[in-house]
Amino acid sequence: MAEFTGVFVQQIAANGNAVFSETPVSGSNCIVHREGSGIITLRGMTNQCRARYKVVFGGNIAIPTGGTVGPISVAIAVEGEALGSATAIVTPAAVNEFFNVFAAAFIEVPRGCCVTVAVKNTSTETIELENANVIVERVC
């Protein structure tokens, strides 16, 4: 299991990834992350056909000052592609109005392969993210 966080407010451009700058719980050699990066690599180191991971994300998102009020969203992305089933959408009534969001997904990695996972801004505009937290757990 590993935990990566980004507690300070960060602005994420449309289609950009959240950055995780702290590692409260470092992962094993199956879960690889470089502090300050938004990409987490899951490795299929197993004797079975695949390794399964549970990825859980939580954080607070808002529209930054100067942004346009409307729906904003983030999603867990696998190999750069946002998962529709792991997308969190909110509609703030004003800029700088933070909402707590949550998303989770099971990711399967074939034996001997690697898969990259990130938290992606799927909005059409820049958003702010605060208290970002992602937990990755190998479950089988």
N, C-alpha and C. Protein backbone atom coordinates (compact mmCIF):
# COMPACT_ATOMS: atom_id res chain seq x y z
N MET A 1 0.85 -1.17 0.00
CA MET A 1 0.00 0.00 0.00
C MET A 1 0.89 1.23 0.00
N ALA A 2 0.42 2.31 -0.64
CA ALA A 2 1.14 3.57 -0.67
C ALA A 2 0.14 4.71 -0.61
N GLU A 3 0.60 5.83 -0.05
CA GLU A 3 -0.23 7.03 0.02
C GLU A 3 0.60 8.21 -0.48
N PHE A 4 0.01 9.00 -1.38
CA PHE A 4 0.66 10.19 -1.93
C PHE A 4 -0.27 11.37 -1.75
N THR A 5 0.27 12.52 -1.33
CA THR A 5 -0.57 13.68 -1.04
C THR A 5 0.00 14.95 -1.67
N GLY A 6 -0.87 15.92 -1.76
CA GLY A 6 -0.53 17.28 -2.18
C GLY A 6 -1.43 18.22 -1.41
N VAL A 7 -1.00 18.67 -0.23
CA VAL A 7 -1.89 19.40 0.66
C VAL A 7 -2.10 20.86 0.26
N PHE A 8 -1.13 21.47 -0.41
CA PHE A 8 -1.24 22.87 -0.76
C PHE A 8 -2.07 23.06 -2.03
N VAL A 9 -2.66 24.23 -2.19
CA VAL A 9 -3.47 24.53 -3.37
C VAL A 9 -2.59 24.50 -4.62
N GLN A 10 -3.05 23.78 -5.63
CA GLN A 10 -2.36 23.74 -6.92
C GLN A 10 -3.35 24.00 -8.03
N GLN A 11 -2.91 24.72 -9.04
CA GLN A 11 -3.76 24.93 -10.21
C GLN A 11 -3.41 23.88 -11.24
N ILE A 12 -4.45 23.27 -11.80
CA ILE A 12 -4.27 22.22 -12.79
C ILE A 12 -4.97 22.65 -14.07
N ALA A 13 -4.21 22.77 -15.14
CA ALA A 13 -4.77 23.15 -16.43
C ALA A 13 -5.69 22.04 -16.94
N ALA A 14 -6.57 22.40 -17.85
CA ALA A 14 -7.46 21.41 -18.46
C ALA A 14 -6.62 20.26 -19.01
N ASN A 15 -7.03 19.03 -18.73
CA ASN A 15 -6.35 17.80 -19.14
C ASN A 15 -5.00 17.58 -18.46
N GLY A 16 -4.67 18.41 -17.45
CA GLY A 16 -3.43 18.23 -16.71
C GLY A 16 -3.62 17.28 -15.54
N ASN A 17 -2.51 16.85 -14.96
CA ASN A 17 -2.54 15.91 -13.84
C ASN A 17 -2.26 16.62 -12.52
N ALA A 18 -2.88 16.13 -11.46
CA ALA A 18 -2.58 16.59 -10.11
C ALA A 18 -1.16 16.15 -9.76
N VAL A 19 -0.49 16.97 -8.97
CA VAL A 19 0.88 16.66 -8.54
C VAL A 19 0.83 16.23 -7.08
N PHE A 20 1.54 15.17 -6.77
CA PHE A 20 1.61 14.66 -5.40
C PHE A 20 3.03 14.87 -4.90
N SER A 21 3.17 15.77 -3.92
CA SER A 21 4.51 16.19 -3.48
C SER A 21 4.98 15.54 -2.19
N GLU A 22 4.11 14.84 -1.51
CA GLU A 22 4.49 14.17 -0.27
C GLU A 22 4.15 12.67 -0.36
N THR A 23 4.91 11.87 0.38
CA THR A 23 4.69 10.43 0.42
C THR A 23 4.61 9.99 1.88
N PRO A 24 3.43 10.11 2.51
CA PRO A 24 3.31 9.68 3.90
C PRO A 24 3.57 8.19 4.09
N VAL A 25 3.14 7.37 3.11
CA VAL A 25 3.39 5.93 3.16
C VAL A 25 3.99 5.52 1.82
N SER A 26 5.26 5.12 1.84
CA SER A 26 5.91 4.75 0.58
C SER A 26 5.47 3.35 0.17
N GLY A 27 5.37 3.15 -1.11
CA GLY A 27 4.92 1.88 -1.64
C GLY A 27 6.05 0.87 -1.73
N SER A 28 5.70 -0.32 -2.16
CA SER A 28 6.69 -1.36 -2.40
C SER A 28 7.25 -1.15 -3.80
N ASN A 29 8.04 -2.11 -4.27
CA ASN A 29 8.57 -1.99 -5.62
C ASN A 29 7.49 -2.22 -6.68
N CYS A 30 6.26 -2.55 -6.27
CA CYS A 30 5.14 -2.72 -7.20
C CYS A 30 4.43 -1.39 -7.49
N ILE A 31 4.61 -0.41 -6.59
CA ILE A 31 3.97 0.90 -6.72
C ILE A 31 5.08 1.95 -6.72
N VAL A 32 5.27 2.61 -7.86
CA VAL A 32 6.40 3.51 -8.03
C VAL A 32 5.90 4.93 -8.29
N HIS A 33 6.46 5.90 -7.54
CA HIS A 33 6.10 7.30 -7.71
C HIS A 33 7.30 8.17 -7.35
N ARG A 34 7.50 9.23 -8.12
CA ARG A 34 8.53 10.21 -7.82
C ARG A 34 7.85 11.43 -7.23
N GLU A 35 8.28 11.87 -6.03
CA GLU A 35 7.65 13.03 -5.40
C GLU A 35 7.71 14.23 -6.34
N GLY A 36 6.59 14.96 -6.40
CA GLY A 36 6.49 16.11 -7.29
C GLY A 36 5.94 15.75 -8.66
N SER A 37 5.64 14.48 -8.87
CA SER A 37 5.08 14.02 -10.14
C SER A 37 3.60 13.69 -9.96
N GLY A 38 2.89 13.65 -11.05
CA GLY A 38 1.48 13.28 -11.00
C GLY A 38 1.23 11.87 -11.46
N ILE A 39 2.28 11.16 -11.86
CA ILE A 39 2.12 9.83 -12.42
C ILE A 39 2.58 8.77 -11.42
N ILE A 40 1.75 7.75 -11.25
CA ILE A 40 2.07 6.61 -10.39
C ILE A 40 2.12 5.39 -11.30
N THR A 41 3.18 4.60 -11.18
CA THR A 41 3.33 3.41 -12.01
C THR A 41 3.00 2.17 -11.18
N LEU A 42 2.10 1.36 -11.71
CA LEU A 42 1.73 0.09 -11.08
C LEU A 42 2.38 -1.02 -11.89
N ARG A 43 3.06 -1.93 -11.21
CA ARG A 43 3.79 -3.00 -11.89
C ARG A 43 3.10 -4.34 -11.70
N GLY A 44 3.08 -5.13 -12.76
CA GLY A 44 2.45 -6.45 -12.73
C GLY A 44 3.41 -7.52 -12.29
N MET A 45 3.98 -7.33 -11.11
CA MET A 45 4.92 -8.32 -10.56
C MET A 45 4.13 -9.38 -9.80
N THR A 46 3.83 -10.48 -10.49
CA THR A 46 2.99 -11.52 -9.91
C THR A 46 3.26 -12.85 -10.61
N ASN A 47 2.91 -13.93 -9.95
CA ASN A 47 2.97 -15.25 -10.58
C ASN A 47 1.63 -15.62 -11.20
N GLN A 48 0.61 -14.80 -10.94
CA GLN A 48 -0.71 -15.01 -11.51
C GLN A 48 -0.78 -14.34 -12.88
N CYS A 49 -1.94 -14.33 -13.50
CA CYS A 49 -2.10 -13.70 -14.81
C CYS A 49 -2.06 -12.19 -14.73
N ARG A 50 -2.43 -11.64 -13.57
CA ARG A 50 -2.47 -10.18 -13.43
C ARG A 50 -2.40 -9.80 -11.95
N ALA A 51 -2.03 -8.56 -11.73
CA ALA A 51 -2.04 -7.98 -10.38
C ALA A 51 -3.19 -6.98 -10.34
N ARG A 52 -3.93 -6.93 -9.24
CA ARG A 52 -5.06 -6.02 -9.11
C ARG A 52 -4.74 -5.00 -8.02
N TYR A 53 -5.03 -3.73 -8.33
CA TYR A 53 -4.81 -2.62 -7.42
C TYR A 53 -6.10 -1.85 -7.20
N LYS A 54 -6.28 -1.35 -6.00
CA LYS A 54 -7.38 -0.43 -5.72
C LYS A 54 -6.78 0.96 -5.58
N VAL A 55 -7.29 1.91 -6.38
CA VAL A 55 -6.82 3.29 -6.35
C VAL A 55 -7.97 4.15 -5.85
N VAL A 56 -7.71 4.91 -4.78
CA VAL A 56 -8.73 5.76 -4.16
C VAL A 56 -8.19 7.19 -4.12
N PHE A 57 -8.99 8.15 -4.60
CA PHE A 57 -8.59 9.56 -4.59
C PHE A 57 -9.63 10.40 -3.88
N GLY A 58 -9.15 11.38 -3.12
CA GLY A 58 -10.01 12.36 -2.49
C GLY A 58 -9.31 13.70 -2.47
N GLY A 59 -10.08 14.78 -2.55
CA GLY A 59 -9.49 16.11 -2.51
C GLY A 59 -10.58 17.16 -2.60
N ASN A 60 -10.18 18.42 -2.57
CA ASN A 60 -11.10 19.55 -2.66
C ASN A 60 -10.80 20.31 -3.94
N ILE A 61 -11.83 20.55 -4.77
CA ILE A 61 -11.63 21.27 -6.02
C ILE A 61 -12.50 22.52 -6.06
N ALA A 62 -12.00 23.52 -6.81
CA ALA A 62 -12.71 24.80 -6.95
C ALA A 62 -12.32 25.45 -8.27
N ILE A 63 -13.10 26.44 -8.65
CA ILE A 63 -12.79 27.28 -9.80
C ILE A 63 -11.91 28.41 -9.30
N PRO A 64 -10.75 28.66 -9.91
CA PRO A 64 -9.87 29.72 -9.42
C PRO A 64 -10.42 31.11 -9.75
N THR A 65 -9.91 32.12 -9.05
CA THR A 65 -10.28 33.51 -9.32
C THR A 65 -10.05 33.80 -10.80
N GLY A 66 -11.02 34.41 -11.43
CA GLY A 66 -10.93 34.72 -12.85
C GLY A 66 -11.49 33.63 -13.74
N GLY A 67 -11.88 32.51 -13.15
CA GLY A 67 -12.45 31.41 -13.93
C GLY A 67 -13.93 31.61 -14.19
N THR A 68 -14.49 30.78 -15.02
CA THR A 68 -15.90 30.84 -15.36
C THR A 68 -16.66 29.83 -14.51
N VAL A 69 -17.73 30.27 -13.87
CA VAL A 69 -18.53 29.39 -13.03
C VAL A 69 -19.25 28.37 -13.90
N GLY A 70 -19.16 27.12 -13.52
CA GLY A 70 -19.79 26.02 -14.25
C GLY A 70 -19.27 24.71 -13.70
N PRO A 71 -19.69 23.58 -14.26
CA PRO A 71 -19.25 22.28 -13.77
C PRO A 71 -17.74 22.10 -13.93
N ILE A 72 -17.12 21.50 -12.92
CA ILE A 72 -15.71 21.12 -12.99
C ILE A 72 -15.59 19.67 -12.55
N SER A 73 -14.52 18.99 -13.01
CA SER A 73 -14.41 17.56 -12.70
C SER A 73 -12.96 17.09 -12.70
N VAL A 74 -12.75 16.01 -11.96
CA VAL A 74 -11.48 15.29 -11.95
C VAL A 74 -11.80 13.81 -12.09
N ALA A 75 -10.80 13.05 -12.57
CA ALA A 75 -11.01 11.61 -12.74
C ALA A 75 -9.70 10.87 -12.55
N ILE A 76 -9.82 9.63 -12.13
CA ILE A 76 -8.66 8.75 -12.14
C ILE A 76 -8.44 8.36 -13.60
N ALA A 77 -7.21 8.50 -14.06
CA ALA A 77 -6.87 8.19 -15.45
C ALA A 77 -5.88 7.03 -15.49
N VAL A 78 -6.09 6.13 -16.44
CA VAL A 78 -5.19 5.00 -16.67
C VAL A 78 -4.56 5.18 -18.03
N GLU A 79 -3.23 5.21 -18.07
CA GLU A 79 -2.49 5.44 -19.31
C GLU A 79 -2.98 6.72 -20.01
N GLY A 80 -3.32 7.74 -19.22
CA GLY A 80 -3.74 9.03 -19.75
C GLY A 80 -5.21 9.15 -20.09
N GLU A 81 -5.94 8.05 -20.03
CA GLU A 81 -7.36 8.05 -20.37
C GLU A 81 -8.20 8.07 -19.09
N ALA A 82 -9.04 9.12 -18.96
CA ALA A 82 -9.89 9.26 -17.78
C ALA A 82 -10.94 8.17 -17.75
N LEU A 83 -11.16 7.60 -16.56
CA LEU A 83 -12.18 6.58 -16.39
C LEU A 83 -13.52 7.25 -16.08
N GLY A 84 -14.51 7.01 -16.90
CA GLY A 84 -15.83 7.59 -16.67
C GLY A 84 -16.44 7.16 -15.36
N SER A 85 -16.16 5.93 -14.95
CA SER A 85 -16.71 5.42 -13.70
C SER A 85 -15.98 5.96 -12.47
N ALA A 86 -14.85 6.62 -12.67
CA ALA A 86 -14.07 7.19 -11.56
C ALA A 86 -13.91 8.69 -11.76
N THR A 87 -15.00 9.34 -12.16
CA THR A 87 -15.01 10.78 -12.37
C THR A 87 -15.89 11.45 -11.32
N ALA A 88 -15.39 12.55 -10.77
CA ALA A 88 -16.14 13.33 -9.78
C ALA A 88 -16.43 14.70 -10.37
N ILE A 89 -17.73 15.09 -10.39
CA ILE A 89 -18.16 16.36 -10.99
C ILE A 89 -18.90 17.19 -9.95
N VAL A 90 -18.57 18.47 -9.88
CA VAL A 90 -19.28 19.41 -9.01
C VAL A 90 -19.54 20.69 -9.78
N THR A 91 -20.52 21.47 -9.32
CA THR A 91 -20.83 22.76 -9.94
C THR A 91 -20.85 23.85 -8.86
N PRO A 92 -19.71 24.48 -8.61
CA PRO A 92 -19.66 25.57 -7.63
C PRO A 92 -20.51 26.75 -8.09
N ALA A 93 -21.09 27.46 -7.14
CA ALA A 93 -21.90 28.64 -7.45
C ALA A 93 -21.04 29.88 -7.64
N ALA A 94 -19.78 29.82 -7.19
CA ALA A 94 -18.88 30.97 -7.28
C ALA A 94 -17.43 30.48 -7.35
N VAL A 95 -16.52 31.37 -7.74
CA VAL A 95 -15.11 31.01 -7.74
C VAL A 95 -14.62 30.85 -6.30
N ASN A 96 -13.56 30.09 -6.13
CA ASN A 96 -12.95 29.81 -4.82
C ASN A 96 -13.90 29.13 -3.84
N GLU A 97 -14.92 28.47 -4.33
CA GLU A 97 -15.84 27.70 -3.50
C GLU A 97 -15.45 26.23 -3.64
N PHE A 98 -14.78 25.69 -2.61
CA PHE A 98 -14.25 24.33 -2.68
C PHE A 98 -15.31 23.29 -2.38
N PHE A 99 -15.24 22.18 -3.12
CA PHE A 99 -16.08 21.02 -2.91
C PHE A 99 -15.18 19.81 -2.71
N ASN A 100 -15.56 18.91 -1.81
CA ASN A 100 -14.83 17.68 -1.60
C ASN A 100 -15.29 16.65 -2.62
N VAL A 101 -14.33 15.99 -3.28
CA VAL A 101 -14.65 14.98 -4.28
C VAL A 101 -13.93 13.68 -3.95
N PHE A 102 -14.46 12.59 -4.47
CA PHE A 102 -13.93 11.25 -4.22
C PHE A 102 -14.09 10.41 -5.48
N ALA A 103 -13.11 9.57 -5.75
CA ALA A 103 -13.20 8.62 -6.86
C ALA A 103 -12.38 7.38 -6.50
N ALA A 104 -12.80 6.23 -7.01
CA ALA A 104 -12.08 4.99 -6.75
C ALA A 104 -12.21 4.07 -7.96
N ALA A 105 -11.20 3.22 -8.13
CA ALA A 105 -11.23 2.27 -9.24
C ALA A 105 -10.32 1.09 -8.94
N PHE A 106 -10.68 -0.07 -9.49
CA PHE A 106 -9.79 -1.23 -9.48
C PHE A 106 -9.05 -1.22 -10.81
N ILE A 107 -7.75 -1.41 -10.77
CA ILE A 107 -6.92 -1.41 -11.97
C ILE A 107 -6.22 -2.76 -12.04
N GLU A 108 -6.34 -3.44 -13.18
CA GLU A 108 -5.67 -4.72 -13.37
C GLU A 108 -4.47 -4.53 -14.28
N VAL A 109 -3.33 -5.09 -13.85
CA VAL A 109 -2.08 -4.97 -14.59
C VAL A 109 -1.63 -6.38 -14.98
N PRO A 110 -1.51 -6.66 -16.28
CA PRO A 110 -1.07 -7.99 -16.70
C PRO A 110 0.33 -8.32 -16.18
N ARG A 111 0.58 -9.59 -15.94
CA ARG A 111 1.89 -10.04 -15.44
C ARG A 111 3.01 -9.52 -16.36
N GLY A 112 4.02 -8.94 -15.75
CA GLY A 112 5.17 -8.45 -16.50
C GLY A 112 5.00 -7.07 -17.11
N CYS A 113 3.82 -6.48 -17.03
CA CYS A 113 3.56 -5.16 -17.62
C CYS A 113 3.53 -4.08 -16.55
N CYS A 114 3.47 -2.86 -17.02
CA CYS A 114 3.31 -1.70 -16.14
C CYS A 114 2.17 -0.84 -16.66
N VAL A 115 1.47 -0.18 -15.75
CA VAL A 115 0.38 0.72 -16.09
C VAL A 115 0.58 2.01 -15.31
N THR A 116 0.36 3.15 -15.97
CA THR A 116 0.45 4.43 -15.26
C THR A 116 -0.94 4.91 -14.87
N VAL A 117 -1.01 5.51 -13.69
CA VAL A 117 -2.26 6.03 -13.14
C VAL A 117 -2.01 7.48 -12.73
N ALA A 118 -3.01 8.34 -12.91
CA ALA A 118 -2.91 9.74 -12.50
C ALA A 118 -4.30 10.24 -12.13
N VAL A 119 -4.36 11.41 -11.53
CA VAL A 119 -5.62 12.10 -11.28
C VAL A 119 -5.62 13.30 -12.23
N LYS A 120 -6.61 13.31 -13.13
CA LYS A 120 -6.63 14.24 -14.25
C LYS A 120 -7.76 15.25 -14.13
N ASN A 121 -7.47 16.50 -14.49
CA ASN A 121 -8.51 17.53 -14.59
C ASN A 121 -9.25 17.30 -15.91
N THR A 122 -10.49 16.85 -15.83
CA THR A 122 -11.27 16.58 -17.03
C THR A 122 -12.19 17.74 -17.39
N SER A 123 -12.00 18.87 -16.71
CA SER A 123 -12.78 20.08 -17.01
C SER A 123 -12.23 20.75 -18.27
N THR A 124 -12.98 21.70 -18.77
CA THR A 124 -12.53 22.45 -19.94
C THR A 124 -11.72 23.68 -19.56
N GLU A 125 -11.53 23.90 -18.27
CA GLU A 125 -10.76 25.06 -17.79
C GLU A 125 -9.87 24.65 -16.62
N THR A 126 -9.00 25.56 -16.24
CA THR A 126 -8.12 25.34 -15.09
C THR A 126 -8.94 25.25 -13.81
N ILE A 127 -8.52 24.33 -12.92
CA ILE A 127 -9.18 24.21 -11.62
C ILE A 127 -8.12 24.32 -10.52
N GLU A 128 -8.57 24.49 -9.29
CA GLU A 128 -7.69 24.44 -8.13
C GLU A 128 -7.98 23.15 -7.38
N LEU A 129 -6.93 22.54 -6.86
CA LEU A 129 -7.04 21.30 -6.08
C LEU A 129 -6.27 21.50 -4.78
N GLU A 130 -6.89 21.14 -3.67
CA GLU A 130 -6.26 21.28 -2.36
C GLU A 130 -6.49 19.99 -1.57
N ASN A 131 -5.56 19.66 -0.70
CA ASN A 131 -5.64 18.47 0.15
C ASN A 131 -5.86 17.20 -0.67
N ALA A 132 -5.12 17.07 -1.76
CA ALA A 132 -5.21 15.89 -2.62
C ALA A 132 -4.59 14.69 -1.91
N ASN A 133 -5.25 13.55 -2.03
CA ASN A 133 -4.79 12.34 -1.37
C ASN A 133 -5.14 11.15 -2.26
N VAL A 134 -4.14 10.37 -2.60
CA VAL A 134 -4.40 9.15 -3.37
C VAL A 134 -3.75 7.98 -2.62
N ILE A 135 -4.54 6.92 -2.46
CA ILE A 135 -4.07 5.71 -1.81
C ILE A 135 -4.14 4.58 -2.83
N VAL A 136 -3.02 3.86 -2.99
CA VAL A 136 -2.94 2.76 -3.91
C VAL A 136 -2.65 1.50 -3.10
N GLU A 137 -3.49 0.50 -3.29
CA GLU A 137 -3.37 -0.73 -2.51
C GLU A 137 -3.40 -1.93 -3.45
N ARG A 138 -2.41 -2.77 -3.33
CA ARG A 138 -2.45 -4.02 -4.12
C ARG A 138 -3.37 -4.98 -3.38
N VAL A 139 -4.41 -5.42 -4.06
CA VAL A 139 -5.41 -6.27 -3.42
C VAL A 139 -5.33 -7.73 -3.84
N CYS A 140 -4.60 -8.02 -4.93
CA CYS A 140 -4.41 -9.43 -5.33
C CYS A 140 -3.42 -9.51 -6.45
